[in-house]
Amino acid sequence: MWGIVILEEKQHKAVHRLQLTDRREGSITGVKDVQSFDEKEISLVTEAGILLVKGEELHVTRLDLEKQEVDIGGKVDSLLYSQGTTKAKGGEGVLKRLFQ
């Protein structure tokens, strides 16, 4: 008699959490990828969609994509979520795709 083994692959969706302290230090979980970052904008692909962090003197202080965690620093002026979790086509920036 042949035994049949069925392996069920469970995909665990990471929890997306954002903690911001005094608009200067942030800790974000559920981060799948970092699309781009510079001193004025950080673009992250999260479990909740694309997150744009805008501000001044922004920088990524810690990045652990295995744990899906990112820490940021700088002065945060705004946080903006948009739907979609794919990278920009052909290296296009997120803003260029939004205004097409």
N, C-alpha and C. Protein backbone atom coordinates (compact mmCIF):
# COMPACT_ATOMS: atom_id res chain seq x y z
N MET A 1 0.85 -1.18 0.00
CA MET A 1 0.00 0.00 0.00
C MET A 1 0.89 1.24 0.00
N TRP A 2 0.53 2.19 -0.80
CA TRP A 2 1.30 3.42 -0.92
C TRP A 2 0.77 4.47 0.05
N GLY A 3 1.66 5.10 0.72
CA GLY A 3 1.26 6.19 1.61
C GLY A 3 1.38 7.52 0.89
N ILE A 4 0.46 8.37 1.11
CA ILE A 4 0.48 9.69 0.49
C ILE A 4 0.73 10.72 1.58
N VAL A 5 1.71 11.54 1.34
CA VAL A 5 2.03 12.60 2.28
C VAL A 5 1.72 13.93 1.61
N ILE A 6 0.92 14.71 2.26
CA ILE A 6 0.57 16.03 1.74
C ILE A 6 1.25 17.07 2.62
N LEU A 7 2.09 17.85 2.00
CA LEU A 7 2.75 18.93 2.71
C LEU A 7 2.00 20.22 2.43
N GLU A 8 1.59 20.84 3.48
CA GLU A 8 0.87 22.10 3.33
C GLU A 8 1.81 23.24 3.67
N GLU A 9 2.00 24.11 2.71
CA GLU A 9 2.87 25.27 2.93
C GLU A 9 2.03 26.40 3.48
N LYS A 10 2.36 26.80 4.68
CA LYS A 10 1.63 27.90 5.30
C LYS A 10 2.46 29.16 5.17
N GLN A 11 1.84 30.18 4.65
CA GLN A 11 2.52 31.46 4.55
C GLN A 11 2.04 32.33 5.71
N HIS A 12 2.99 32.70 6.53
CA HIS A 12 2.65 33.54 7.67
C HIS A 12 2.80 35.00 7.26
N LYS A 13 1.72 35.71 7.34
CA LYS A 13 1.77 37.13 7.02
C LYS A 13 2.30 37.88 8.24
N ALA A 14 3.36 38.60 8.04
CA ALA A 14 3.96 39.35 9.14
C ALA A 14 3.05 40.51 9.53
N VAL A 15 3.11 40.86 10.77
CA VAL A 15 2.34 41.99 11.27
C VAL A 15 3.06 43.28 10.88
N HIS A 16 2.30 44.23 10.36
CA HIS A 16 2.88 45.53 10.02
C HIS A 16 2.60 46.48 11.18
N ARG A 17 3.67 47.02 11.73
CA ARG A 17 3.54 47.94 12.85
C ARG A 17 4.49 49.10 12.63
N LEU A 18 4.04 50.29 12.98
CA LEU A 18 4.87 51.48 12.84
C LEU A 18 4.84 52.23 14.16
N GLN A 19 6.02 52.47 14.71
CA GLN A 19 6.13 53.24 15.95
C GLN A 19 7.05 54.42 15.68
N LEU A 20 6.56 55.62 15.95
CA LEU A 20 7.32 56.84 15.69
C LEU A 20 7.43 57.62 16.99
N THR A 21 8.66 57.98 17.36
CA THR A 21 8.90 58.71 18.60
C THR A 21 9.37 60.12 18.28
N ASP A 22 8.59 61.10 18.71
CA ASP A 22 8.93 62.53 18.54
C ASP A 22 9.26 62.90 17.10
N ARG A 23 8.66 62.21 16.15
CA ARG A 23 8.89 62.47 14.72
C ARG A 23 10.36 62.34 14.34
N ARG A 24 11.18 61.71 15.17
CA ARG A 24 12.62 61.62 14.92
C ARG A 24 13.11 60.18 14.74
N GLU A 25 12.54 59.24 15.46
CA GLU A 25 12.99 57.85 15.39
C GLU A 25 11.79 56.96 15.13
N GLY A 26 11.94 56.04 14.17
CA GLY A 26 10.86 55.15 13.83
C GLY A 26 11.30 53.70 13.75
N SER A 27 10.39 52.82 14.12
CA SER A 27 10.60 51.39 14.01
C SER A 27 9.42 50.81 13.24
N ILE A 28 9.70 50.08 12.17
CA ILE A 28 8.65 49.58 11.29
C ILE A 28 8.84 48.08 11.11
N THR A 29 7.77 47.30 11.29
CA THR A 29 7.81 45.86 11.05
C THR A 29 6.89 45.52 9.89
N GLY A 30 7.03 44.30 9.39
CA GLY A 30 6.23 43.88 8.24
C GLY A 30 6.75 44.47 6.95
N VAL A 31 8.05 44.77 6.91
CA VAL A 31 8.68 45.38 5.73
C VAL A 31 9.24 44.28 4.84
N LYS A 32 8.73 44.21 3.61
CA LYS A 32 9.19 43.20 2.65
C LYS A 32 10.42 43.65 1.89
N ASP A 33 10.51 44.95 1.60
CA ASP A 33 11.62 45.46 0.79
C ASP A 33 11.74 46.97 0.97
N VAL A 34 12.93 47.46 0.71
CA VAL A 34 13.17 48.91 0.66
C VAL A 34 13.34 49.26 -0.81
N GLN A 35 12.40 50.04 -1.36
CA GLN A 35 12.47 50.41 -2.78
C GLN A 35 13.55 51.46 -3.02
N SER A 36 13.57 52.48 -2.18
CA SER A 36 14.55 53.55 -2.34
C SER A 36 14.59 54.37 -1.07
N PHE A 37 15.68 55.10 -0.91
CA PHE A 37 15.73 56.06 0.20
C PHE A 37 16.78 57.12 -0.09
N ASP A 38 16.48 58.31 0.37
CA ASP A 38 17.44 59.41 0.37
C ASP A 38 17.09 60.30 1.56
N GLU A 39 17.67 61.46 1.65
CA GLU A 39 17.47 62.32 2.82
C GLU A 39 16.06 62.90 2.92
N LYS A 40 15.30 62.86 1.83
CA LYS A 40 13.96 63.45 1.84
C LYS A 40 12.83 62.42 1.78
N GLU A 41 13.13 61.17 1.37
CA GLU A 41 12.06 60.19 1.22
C GLU A 41 12.59 58.76 1.35
N ILE A 42 11.83 57.93 2.07
CA ILE A 42 12.11 56.50 2.17
C ILE A 42 10.88 55.78 1.65
N SER A 43 11.06 54.86 0.71
CA SER A 43 9.96 54.10 0.13
C SER A 43 10.12 52.63 0.52
N LEU A 44 9.11 52.11 1.23
CA LEU A 44 9.14 50.74 1.74
C LEU A 44 7.97 49.93 1.20
N VAL A 45 8.20 48.67 0.87
CA VAL A 45 7.13 47.74 0.54
C VAL A 45 6.80 47.00 1.83
N THR A 46 5.57 47.19 2.32
CA THR A 46 5.16 46.57 3.58
C THR A 46 4.00 45.62 3.36
N GLU A 47 3.64 44.90 4.39
CA GLU A 47 2.47 44.01 4.34
C GLU A 47 1.19 44.80 4.10
N ALA A 48 1.19 46.09 4.40
CA ALA A 48 0.00 46.93 4.25
C ALA A 48 0.03 47.77 2.97
N GLY A 49 1.02 47.56 2.11
CA GLY A 49 1.15 48.34 0.88
C GLY A 49 2.45 49.12 0.89
N ILE A 50 2.58 50.02 -0.06
CA ILE A 50 3.79 50.83 -0.15
C ILE A 50 3.68 51.99 0.84
N LEU A 51 4.72 52.19 1.61
CA LEU A 51 4.76 53.26 2.60
C LEU A 51 5.84 54.26 2.19
N LEU A 52 5.42 55.52 2.01
CA LEU A 52 6.36 56.61 1.73
C LEU A 52 6.52 57.43 3.00
N VAL A 53 7.75 57.54 3.46
CA VAL A 53 8.07 58.37 4.61
C VAL A 53 8.79 59.59 4.06
N LYS A 54 8.23 60.77 4.31
CA LYS A 54 8.83 62.00 3.79
C LYS A 54 9.29 62.86 4.96
N GLY A 55 10.40 63.58 4.73
CA GLY A 55 10.91 64.43 5.79
C GLY A 55 12.25 65.03 5.42
N GLU A 56 13.06 65.28 6.44
CA GLU A 56 14.38 65.88 6.27
C GLU A 56 15.42 65.05 7.00
N GLU A 57 16.61 64.97 6.40
CA GLU A 57 17.73 64.22 6.99
C GLU A 57 17.34 62.79 7.34
N LEU A 58 16.51 62.16 6.49
CA LEU A 58 16.07 60.79 6.75
C LEU A 58 17.19 59.81 6.46
N HIS A 59 17.25 58.76 7.26
CA HIS A 59 18.23 57.70 7.04
C HIS A 59 17.72 56.40 7.65
N VAL A 60 18.18 55.30 7.09
CA VAL A 60 17.86 53.97 7.60
C VAL A 60 18.97 53.61 8.59
N THR A 61 18.59 53.40 9.86
CA THR A 61 19.59 53.10 10.88
C THR A 61 19.78 51.60 11.07
N ARG A 62 18.75 50.81 10.76
CA ARG A 62 18.85 49.35 10.87
C ARG A 62 17.91 48.72 9.86
N LEU A 63 18.41 47.70 9.18
CA LEU A 63 17.60 46.99 8.18
C LEU A 63 17.82 45.50 8.37
N ASP A 64 16.73 44.76 8.63
CA ASP A 64 16.78 43.30 8.76
C ASP A 64 15.59 42.74 7.99
N LEU A 65 15.80 42.43 6.71
CA LEU A 65 14.69 41.95 5.88
C LEU A 65 14.28 40.52 6.24
N GLU A 66 15.18 39.75 6.86
CA GLU A 66 14.80 38.42 7.32
C GLU A 66 13.71 38.52 8.37
N LYS A 67 13.86 39.47 9.28
CA LYS A 67 12.86 39.70 10.32
C LYS A 67 11.80 40.70 9.88
N GLN A 68 11.97 41.27 8.70
CA GLN A 68 11.07 42.28 8.13
C GLN A 68 10.99 43.52 9.01
N GLU A 69 12.15 44.01 9.46
CA GLU A 69 12.21 45.17 10.35
C GLU A 69 13.12 46.25 9.78
N VAL A 70 12.71 47.50 9.96
CA VAL A 70 13.50 48.65 9.56
C VAL A 70 13.39 49.71 10.65
N ASP A 71 14.51 50.31 10.99
CA ASP A 71 14.53 51.47 11.89
C ASP A 71 14.99 52.67 11.08
N ILE A 72 14.34 53.80 11.30
CA ILE A 72 14.70 55.01 10.57
C ILE A 72 14.96 56.15 11.54
N GLY A 73 15.68 57.17 11.06
CA GLY A 73 15.93 58.37 11.84
C GLY A 73 15.80 59.59 10.95
N GLY A 74 15.74 60.76 11.58
CA GLY A 74 15.56 62.01 10.85
C GLY A 74 14.26 62.67 11.27
N LYS A 75 13.93 63.78 10.64
CA LYS A 75 12.67 64.49 10.95
C LYS A 75 11.59 64.03 9.98
N VAL A 76 10.58 63.34 10.49
CA VAL A 76 9.49 62.83 9.66
C VAL A 76 8.41 63.89 9.54
N ASP A 77 8.07 64.24 8.29
CA ASP A 77 7.01 65.21 8.03
C ASP A 77 5.69 64.55 7.66
N SER A 78 5.76 63.40 6.95
CA SER A 78 4.52 62.73 6.55
C SER A 78 4.75 61.25 6.30
N LEU A 79 3.65 60.50 6.45
CA LEU A 79 3.61 59.07 6.15
C LEU A 79 2.46 58.87 5.18
N LEU A 80 2.71 58.18 4.07
CA LEU A 80 1.68 57.99 3.05
C LEU A 80 1.69 56.54 2.60
N TYR A 81 0.51 55.90 2.69
CA TYR A 81 0.37 54.53 2.21
C TYR A 81 -0.32 54.53 0.85
N SER A 82 0.10 53.61 0.00
CA SER A 82 -0.60 53.37 -1.27
C SER A 82 -0.67 51.88 -1.48
N GLN A 83 -1.65 51.45 -2.27
CA GLN A 83 -1.80 50.03 -2.53
C GLN A 83 -0.74 49.56 -3.50
N GLY A 84 -0.50 48.28 -3.49
CA GLY A 84 0.49 47.70 -4.38
C GLY A 84 1.73 47.33 -3.60
N THR A 85 2.33 46.21 -4.00
CA THR A 85 3.51 45.75 -3.29
C THR A 85 4.62 45.36 -4.24
N THR A 86 4.52 45.79 -5.51
CA THR A 86 5.55 45.42 -6.47
C THR A 86 6.54 46.55 -6.64
N LYS A 87 7.73 46.19 -7.02
CA LYS A 87 8.76 47.19 -7.27
C LYS A 87 8.44 47.97 -8.53
N ALA A 88 9.00 49.12 -8.62
CA ALA A 88 8.82 49.96 -9.81
C ALA A 88 9.38 49.25 -11.03
N LYS A 89 8.69 49.39 -12.13
CA LYS A 89 9.13 48.77 -13.38
C LYS A 89 10.31 49.53 -13.94
N GLY A 90 11.32 48.80 -14.35
CA GLY A 90 12.46 49.41 -15.02
C GLY A 90 13.18 50.45 -14.21
N GLY A 91 13.12 50.34 -12.87
CA GLY A 91 13.83 51.28 -12.03
C GLY A 91 13.14 52.63 -11.88
N GLU A 92 11.89 52.75 -12.35
CA GLU A 92 11.17 54.00 -12.20
C GLU A 92 10.90 54.27 -10.73
N GLY A 93 10.87 55.51 -10.36
CA GLY A 93 10.56 55.86 -8.99
C GLY A 93 9.07 55.72 -8.72
N VAL A 94 8.75 55.61 -7.45
CA VAL A 94 7.36 55.45 -7.04
C VAL A 94 6.53 56.65 -7.46
N LEU A 95 7.03 57.85 -7.25
CA LEU A 95 6.25 59.04 -7.60
C LEU A 95 5.97 59.11 -9.09
N LYS A 96 6.92 58.72 -9.93
CA LYS A 96 6.71 58.74 -11.37
C LYS A 96 5.56 57.81 -11.76
N ARG A 97 5.51 56.62 -11.12
CA ARG A 97 4.43 55.69 -11.42
C ARG A 97 3.08 56.22 -10.94
N LEU A 98 3.06 56.90 -9.81
CA LEU A 98 1.81 57.42 -9.28
C LEU A 98 1.21 58.50 -10.16
N PHE A 99 2.05 59.28 -10.86
CA PHE A 99 1.56 60.40 -11.66
C PHE A 99 1.50 60.11 -13.15
N GLN A 100 1.54 58.84 -13.54
CA GLN A 100 1.43 58.49 -14.96
C GLN A 100 0.01 58.59 -15.44
